[in-house]
Amino acid sequence: MAVRFAPMKLQPLTAEDIWAALRDCFDPEVKLNLVDLGLIYDVAIEPDPNSTPAFPRQRVKVTMTLTTPQCPASGLIFEQVHNRLAGIPQVSKVEVDLVWEPKWSPHRISEAGRKQLGI
């Protein structure tokens, strides 16, 4: 008797899923994740109309900033964000939007981030 496997059904992503994934991305100079550092301003998720019904996928847009416009690690940080989210099976496209307003300042660091940094 042959065993039949039902196809794996992926659950749609939530904003919380994306925020959790972004906690895996770190500023290499500060050694703190981008969420707790306060660099991630917003995430948006929308269905991808080009995905197949059998494998529904979503597009993700991240709005973020850097600690300074001259950040030497900017390329690495963008690559981390893009690669981390692109590796999620439900994600079809990742867009990272860099903004400078509102300007980042240390007050954006989360309480957990402050504890980790000892401030």
N, C-alpha and C. Protein backbone atom coordinates (compact mmCIF):
# COMPACT_ATOMS: atom_id res chain seq x y z
N MET A 1 0.84 -1.17 0.00
CA MET A 1 0.00 0.00 0.00
C MET A 1 0.90 1.24 0.00
N ALA A 2 0.66 2.14 -0.91
CA ALA A 2 1.45 3.38 -1.02
C ALA A 2 0.95 4.39 0.01
N VAL A 3 1.87 5.08 0.59
CA VAL A 3 1.54 6.12 1.55
C VAL A 3 1.46 7.44 0.80
N ARG A 4 0.39 8.15 1.00
CA ARG A 4 0.21 9.44 0.34
C ARG A 4 0.40 10.54 1.37
N PHE A 5 1.15 11.53 0.97
CA PHE A 5 1.38 12.67 1.84
C PHE A 5 0.59 13.86 1.34
N ALA A 6 -0.05 14.51 2.25
CA ALA A 6 -0.77 15.74 1.87
C ALA A 6 0.27 16.84 1.67
N PRO A 7 0.06 17.70 0.70
CA PRO A 7 1.01 18.79 0.51
C PRO A 7 1.03 19.70 1.74
N MET A 8 2.23 20.19 2.04
CA MET A 8 2.36 21.09 3.19
C MET A 8 1.66 22.40 2.87
N LYS A 9 0.83 22.84 3.76
CA LYS A 9 0.11 24.09 3.57
C LYS A 9 0.77 25.16 4.43
N LEU A 10 1.28 26.17 3.78
CA LEU A 10 1.94 27.25 4.51
C LEU A 10 0.91 28.25 5.01
N GLN A 11 1.11 28.66 6.24
CA GLN A 11 0.22 29.67 6.82
C GLN A 11 0.67 31.05 6.37
N PRO A 12 -0.27 31.95 6.15
CA PRO A 12 0.13 33.32 5.80
C PRO A 12 0.95 33.94 6.92
N LEU A 13 1.90 34.75 6.52
CA LEU A 13 2.74 35.44 7.49
C LEU A 13 1.98 36.56 8.17
N THR A 14 2.42 36.87 9.37
CA THR A 14 1.89 38.03 10.08
C THR A 14 3.04 39.03 10.24
N ALA A 15 2.70 40.24 10.60
CA ALA A 15 3.72 41.24 10.87
C ALA A 15 4.62 40.77 12.01
N GLU A 16 4.05 40.10 12.99
CA GLU A 16 4.84 39.60 14.11
C GLU A 16 5.89 38.60 13.64
N ASP A 17 5.56 37.77 12.63
CA ASP A 17 6.53 36.83 12.07
C ASP A 17 7.71 37.58 11.46
N ILE A 18 7.43 38.65 10.77
CA ILE A 18 8.49 39.43 10.11
C ILE A 18 9.35 40.13 11.17
N TRP A 19 8.71 40.74 12.16
CA TRP A 19 9.47 41.39 13.23
C TRP A 19 10.38 40.37 13.91
N ALA A 20 9.87 39.17 14.17
CA ALA A 20 10.68 38.13 14.83
C ALA A 20 11.87 37.74 13.95
N ALA A 21 11.65 37.60 12.65
CA ALA A 21 12.75 37.26 11.74
C ALA A 21 13.80 38.36 11.70
N LEU A 22 13.36 39.61 11.77
CA LEU A 22 14.30 40.73 11.73
C LEU A 22 15.15 40.81 12.98
N ARG A 23 14.71 40.17 14.05
CA ARG A 23 15.54 40.12 15.27
C ARG A 23 16.78 39.25 15.08
N ASP A 24 16.84 38.52 13.97
CA ASP A 24 18.03 37.73 13.62
C ASP A 24 19.08 38.56 12.89
N CYS A 25 18.77 39.80 12.57
CA CYS A 25 19.67 40.69 11.83
C CYS A 25 20.31 41.67 12.82
N PHE A 26 21.63 41.78 12.76
CA PHE A 26 22.37 42.58 13.73
C PHE A 26 23.19 43.68 13.08
N ASP A 27 23.33 44.76 13.80
CA ASP A 27 24.28 45.80 13.43
C ASP A 27 25.65 45.26 13.83
N PRO A 28 26.57 45.09 12.89
CA PRO A 28 27.84 44.46 13.22
C PRO A 28 28.73 45.30 14.14
N GLU A 29 28.50 46.58 14.20
CA GLU A 29 29.32 47.44 15.06
C GLU A 29 28.79 47.48 16.48
N VAL A 30 27.47 47.50 16.63
CA VAL A 30 26.86 47.63 17.95
C VAL A 30 26.57 46.27 18.57
N LYS A 31 26.46 45.22 17.75
CA LYS A 31 26.17 43.86 18.22
C LYS A 31 24.79 43.77 18.87
N LEU A 32 23.84 44.50 18.29
CA LEU A 32 22.47 44.48 18.77
C LEU A 32 21.57 44.28 17.55
N ASN A 33 20.47 43.53 17.73
CA ASN A 33 19.60 43.29 16.58
C ASN A 33 18.94 44.59 16.14
N LEU A 34 18.59 44.64 14.87
CA LEU A 34 18.08 45.87 14.26
C LEU A 34 16.76 46.32 14.85
N VAL A 35 15.94 45.38 15.31
CA VAL A 35 14.66 45.74 15.91
C VAL A 35 14.89 46.45 17.24
N ASP A 36 15.67 45.83 18.12
CA ASP A 36 15.92 46.44 19.43
C ASP A 36 16.76 47.71 19.31
N LEU A 37 17.55 47.82 18.26
CA LEU A 37 18.32 49.04 18.04
C LEU A 37 17.42 50.18 17.56
N GLY A 38 16.22 49.84 17.11
CA GLY A 38 15.26 50.85 16.69
C GLY A 38 15.43 51.28 15.24
N LEU A 39 16.11 50.47 14.43
CA LEU A 39 16.32 50.82 13.03
C LEU A 39 15.16 50.43 12.13
N ILE A 40 14.33 49.49 12.57
CA ILE A 40 13.19 49.04 11.77
C ILE A 40 11.99 49.88 12.17
N TYR A 41 11.46 50.63 11.22
CA TYR A 41 10.32 51.51 11.50
C TYR A 41 8.98 50.84 11.23
N ASP A 42 8.92 50.03 10.16
CA ASP A 42 7.63 49.44 9.79
C ASP A 42 7.86 48.22 8.92
N VAL A 43 6.90 47.30 8.96
CA VAL A 43 6.86 46.18 8.03
C VAL A 43 5.45 46.13 7.44
N ALA A 44 5.39 45.79 6.17
CA ALA A 44 4.10 45.65 5.49
C ALA A 44 4.12 44.34 4.72
N ILE A 45 3.00 43.65 4.77
CA ILE A 45 2.87 42.36 4.09
C ILE A 45 1.62 42.43 3.23
N GLU A 46 1.76 41.94 1.99
CA GLU A 46 0.57 41.88 1.12
C GLU A 46 0.65 40.61 0.29
N PRO A 47 -0.49 40.06 -0.09
CA PRO A 47 -0.49 38.86 -0.93
C PRO A 47 0.19 39.16 -2.27
N ASP A 48 0.87 38.16 -2.79
CA ASP A 48 1.47 38.28 -4.11
C ASP A 48 0.48 37.75 -5.13
N PRO A 49 -0.09 38.62 -5.95
CA PRO A 49 -1.09 38.15 -6.91
C PRO A 49 -0.52 37.22 -7.98
N ASN A 50 0.80 37.15 -8.10
CA ASN A 50 1.43 36.30 -9.10
C ASN A 50 1.78 34.90 -8.58
N SER A 51 1.54 34.65 -7.30
CA SER A 51 1.85 33.32 -6.78
C SER A 51 0.71 32.36 -7.11
N THR A 52 1.05 31.09 -7.12
CA THR A 52 0.04 30.09 -7.45
C THR A 52 -0.85 29.82 -6.24
N PRO A 53 -2.11 29.49 -6.46
CA PRO A 53 -3.01 29.21 -5.33
C PRO A 53 -2.51 28.05 -4.47
N ALA A 54 -1.80 27.10 -5.07
CA ALA A 54 -1.31 25.95 -4.31
C ALA A 54 -0.15 26.34 -3.39
N PHE A 55 0.50 27.44 -3.71
CA PHE A 55 1.64 27.88 -2.91
C PHE A 55 1.56 29.39 -2.74
N PRO A 56 0.58 29.86 -1.97
CA PRO A 56 0.41 31.31 -1.84
C PRO A 56 1.60 31.94 -1.14
N ARG A 57 2.06 33.02 -1.68
CA ARG A 57 3.21 33.72 -1.11
C ARG A 57 2.86 35.19 -0.93
N GLN A 58 3.72 35.86 -0.16
CA GLN A 58 3.46 37.26 0.17
C GLN A 58 4.68 38.12 -0.12
N ARG A 59 4.40 39.39 -0.41
CA ARG A 59 5.46 40.38 -0.60
C ARG A 59 5.63 41.12 0.73
N VAL A 60 6.89 41.41 1.05
CA VAL A 60 7.20 42.08 2.31
C VAL A 60 7.98 43.35 2.02
N LYS A 61 7.56 44.43 2.67
CA LYS A 61 8.28 45.69 2.56
C LYS A 61 8.70 46.11 3.97
N VAL A 62 9.99 46.42 4.11
CA VAL A 62 10.54 46.87 5.39
C VAL A 62 10.97 48.32 5.22
N THR A 63 10.50 49.16 6.12
CA THR A 63 10.93 50.56 6.16
C THR A 63 11.89 50.68 7.33
N MET A 64 13.09 51.16 7.02
CA MET A 64 14.11 51.22 8.06
C MET A 64 15.03 52.41 7.84
N THR A 65 15.88 52.63 8.82
CA THR A 65 16.87 53.69 8.74
C THR A 65 18.20 53.12 9.20
N LEU A 66 19.18 53.95 9.27
CA LEU A 66 20.49 53.60 9.81
C LEU A 66 20.83 54.59 10.91
N THR A 67 21.81 54.26 11.72
CA THR A 67 22.17 55.17 12.80
C THR A 67 22.74 56.48 12.26
N THR A 68 23.35 56.41 11.08
CA THR A 68 23.92 57.59 10.44
C THR A 68 23.95 57.38 8.93
N PRO A 69 23.80 58.44 8.14
CA PRO A 69 23.86 58.27 6.68
C PRO A 69 25.21 57.74 6.20
N GLN A 70 26.26 57.92 6.98
CA GLN A 70 27.58 57.45 6.59
C GLN A 70 27.91 56.07 7.17
N CYS A 71 26.92 55.33 7.57
CA CYS A 71 27.12 54.03 8.21
C CYS A 71 27.97 53.12 7.30
N PRO A 72 29.14 52.71 7.77
CA PRO A 72 30.01 51.87 6.94
C PRO A 72 29.47 50.45 6.73
N ALA A 73 28.54 50.02 7.56
CA ALA A 73 28.00 48.67 7.46
C ALA A 73 26.66 48.63 6.72
N SER A 74 26.28 49.72 6.07
CA SER A 74 24.95 49.78 5.45
C SER A 74 24.71 48.65 4.46
N GLY A 75 25.68 48.34 3.62
CA GLY A 75 25.51 47.25 2.64
C GLY A 75 25.28 45.92 3.31
N LEU A 76 26.05 45.64 4.34
CA LEU A 76 25.90 44.39 5.08
C LEU A 76 24.54 44.32 5.77
N ILE A 77 24.11 45.42 6.35
CA ILE A 77 22.82 45.45 7.05
C ILE A 77 21.68 45.19 6.07
N PHE A 78 21.68 45.86 4.91
CA PHE A 78 20.63 45.64 3.92
C PHE A 78 20.64 44.20 3.42
N GLU A 79 21.82 43.67 3.21
CA GLU A 79 21.93 42.29 2.74
C GLU A 79 21.37 41.32 3.77
N GLN A 80 21.67 41.54 5.05
CA GLN A 80 21.12 40.69 6.11
C GLN A 80 19.60 40.70 6.10
N VAL A 81 19.03 41.90 6.04
CA VAL A 81 17.56 42.03 6.06
C VAL A 81 16.96 41.32 4.86
N HIS A 82 17.48 41.61 3.69
CA HIS A 82 16.94 41.00 2.48
C HIS A 82 17.06 39.48 2.51
N ASN A 83 18.25 38.98 2.82
CA ASN A 83 18.47 37.53 2.80
C ASN A 83 17.66 36.81 3.87
N ARG A 84 17.54 37.40 5.05
CA ARG A 84 16.77 36.75 6.12
C ARG A 84 15.31 36.59 5.72
N LEU A 85 14.74 37.65 5.15
CA LEU A 85 13.33 37.58 4.78
C LEU A 85 13.11 36.77 3.51
N ALA A 86 14.02 36.87 2.56
CA ALA A 86 13.90 36.10 1.32
C ALA A 86 13.99 34.60 1.58
N GLY A 87 14.59 34.21 2.70
CA GLY A 87 14.71 32.81 3.05
C GLY A 87 13.45 32.21 3.66
N ILE A 88 12.45 33.01 3.89
CA ILE A 88 11.18 32.51 4.44
C ILE A 88 10.34 31.98 3.28
N PRO A 89 9.91 30.72 3.33
CA PRO A 89 9.20 30.12 2.19
C PRO A 89 7.97 30.91 1.73
N GLN A 90 7.26 31.56 2.64
CA GLN A 90 6.05 32.28 2.26
C GLN A 90 6.33 33.63 1.59
N VAL A 91 7.58 34.05 1.53
CA VAL A 91 7.93 35.37 0.99
C VAL A 91 8.35 35.24 -0.47
N SER A 92 7.69 36.01 -1.33
CA SER A 92 8.03 36.00 -2.75
C SER A 92 8.94 37.15 -3.14
N LYS A 93 8.83 38.27 -2.43
CA LYS A 93 9.62 39.45 -2.78
C LYS A 93 9.86 40.26 -1.51
N VAL A 94 11.08 40.80 -1.41
CA VAL A 94 11.45 41.65 -0.28
C VAL A 94 11.86 43.01 -0.81
N GLU A 95 11.29 44.05 -0.24
CA GLU A 95 11.68 45.41 -0.57
C GLU A 95 12.13 46.08 0.72
N VAL A 96 13.32 46.67 0.69
CA VAL A 96 13.84 47.39 1.84
C VAL A 96 13.89 48.86 1.47
N ASP A 97 13.12 49.65 2.18
CA ASP A 97 13.02 51.08 1.91
C ASP A 97 13.79 51.84 2.99
N LEU A 98 14.85 52.53 2.59
CA LEU A 98 15.66 53.31 3.51
C LEU A 98 15.10 54.72 3.62
N VAL A 99 14.84 55.15 4.85
CA VAL A 99 14.31 56.50 5.08
C VAL A 99 15.21 57.21 6.10
N TRP A 100 15.18 58.53 6.08
CA TRP A 100 15.96 59.33 7.02
C TRP A 100 15.08 60.13 7.96
N GLU A 101 13.78 60.07 7.76
CA GLU A 101 12.83 60.75 8.64
C GLU A 101 11.81 59.73 9.12
N PRO A 102 11.56 59.61 10.37
CA PRO A 102 12.22 60.37 11.43
C PRO A 102 13.66 59.89 11.61
N LYS A 103 14.50 60.80 11.99
CA LYS A 103 15.91 60.52 12.19
C LYS A 103 16.08 59.57 13.38
N TRP A 104 17.02 58.62 13.23
CA TRP A 104 17.29 57.70 14.32
C TRP A 104 18.02 58.44 15.44
N SER A 105 17.71 58.08 16.67
CA SER A 105 18.45 58.58 17.82
C SER A 105 18.46 57.46 18.87
N PRO A 106 19.37 57.52 19.83
CA PRO A 106 19.45 56.46 20.84
C PRO A 106 18.15 56.22 21.63
N HIS A 107 17.26 57.19 21.67
CA HIS A 107 16.01 56.96 22.40
C HIS A 107 15.15 55.88 21.74
N ARG A 108 15.45 55.52 20.49
CA ARG A 108 14.69 54.48 19.79
C ARG A 108 15.09 53.07 20.23
N ILE A 109 16.18 52.93 20.96
CA ILE A 109 16.62 51.61 21.42
C ILE A 109 15.61 51.08 22.44
N SER A 110 15.22 49.83 22.27
CA SER A 110 14.23 49.22 23.17
C SER A 110 14.82 49.03 24.56
N GLU A 111 13.96 48.77 25.51
CA GLU A 111 14.40 48.49 26.88
C GLU A 111 15.30 47.27 26.91
N ALA A 112 14.93 46.22 26.15
CA ALA A 112 15.75 45.01 26.09
C ALA A 112 17.12 45.35 25.49
N GLY A 113 17.12 46.19 24.48
CA GLY A 113 18.38 46.60 23.87
C GLY A 113 19.25 47.39 24.82
N ARG A 114 18.64 48.26 25.60
CA ARG A 114 19.39 49.05 26.58
C ARG A 114 20.04 48.14 27.63
N LYS A 115 19.29 47.13 28.05
CA LYS A 115 19.85 46.19 29.03
C LYS A 115 21.04 45.45 28.43
N GLN A 116 20.88 45.00 27.18
CA GLN A 116 21.95 44.27 26.53
C GLN A 116 23.21 45.14 26.35
N LEU A 117 23.00 46.41 26.06
CA LEU A 117 24.12 47.32 25.86
C LEU A 117 24.66 47.88 27.18
N GLY A 118 23.92 47.65 28.26
CA GLY A 118 24.36 48.13 29.57
C GLY A 118 24.15 49.63 29.76
N ILE A 119 23.09 50.16 29.10
CA ILE A 119 22.81 51.59 29.26
C ILE A 119 21.43 51.80 29.86
